[in-house]
Amino acid sequence: MKINELEDLLGVSGATVRYYEEQGLVTPSRSENGYRDYTDEEVRLFQKIIILRKLGIGVAEIRDLIEHKADLHEVLEHNVERLRIQQTEIASAIEMCEELDAEAADFAVIDSPKYLKSIYEAEQEGTRFAETKEISPRQLNFAITLLGALCGMAIPQNNRYSEHGNDPIPADIRANRKEGDEYDTIGDVLRKGGIRKAIVIVTAILLGLYLLVNGLFRWWGVFPN
């Protein structure tokens, strides 16, 4: 069976099929021209994977099942416990939503101390609500900037950042150094030119030369492995 036929049969995209293959769940054979050719056994395996994923079972757990490192009964039992916790969370949230809707005419008159106290007391008794551990774009941007620094990637910045600090993160994932500052992406710097463009280019060239020379020395055995 070809991949397009498998997509139609399973009702999933080719990207999903390839993802499961990349995760090592299925390893299809290939025809002489290099195209994937799925056997009936592999098709049934995909069907089982889709079923378990629809039930909320993780890829790692499914991999363990396929490799006979886990017991199906235990995996399903654990998943049922997880689903029951989610069910309890949803039921608690529904109950409070209905109570809030009955008592508060609009947002301005919500009795916040009362309901927050009720939530915290319920959580102390074991009830779970949705988490409120948020991360702002500023925090995420700082983490990305720090990660870039640890990887040796300089991130030039300027002072154009203004009132949109907590808007949805743009596609290029901008980062800011401090409140009120926004950085230019490497692409912005290269388009604008100036001294920072020269610094970025020189840094990239020096880094590339270092990696090249280091790699050649190791290849020639100058440096011990």
Foldseek 3Di string as FASTA:
>chain_A
DFLVVLCVVQVHDSVVVVVLVVLVQDDFDADPVGGGDHDPVRSVSVNVVSVVVVLPQDSVVSSCVSVVNDDPVVSVVVSVVVVVLVVQQVVVVVVVVVVQVVPDPDDVPRPVVVVVVVVVVVVVVPRDYDDPPDDFLANVLVVVCVVCVVVVHHWAWDQPADDCRRPPQDPVSWYADDPRITTDGLVRDCVVDDPVVVVNVVSVVVVVVVVVVVVVCVVVVVDPD
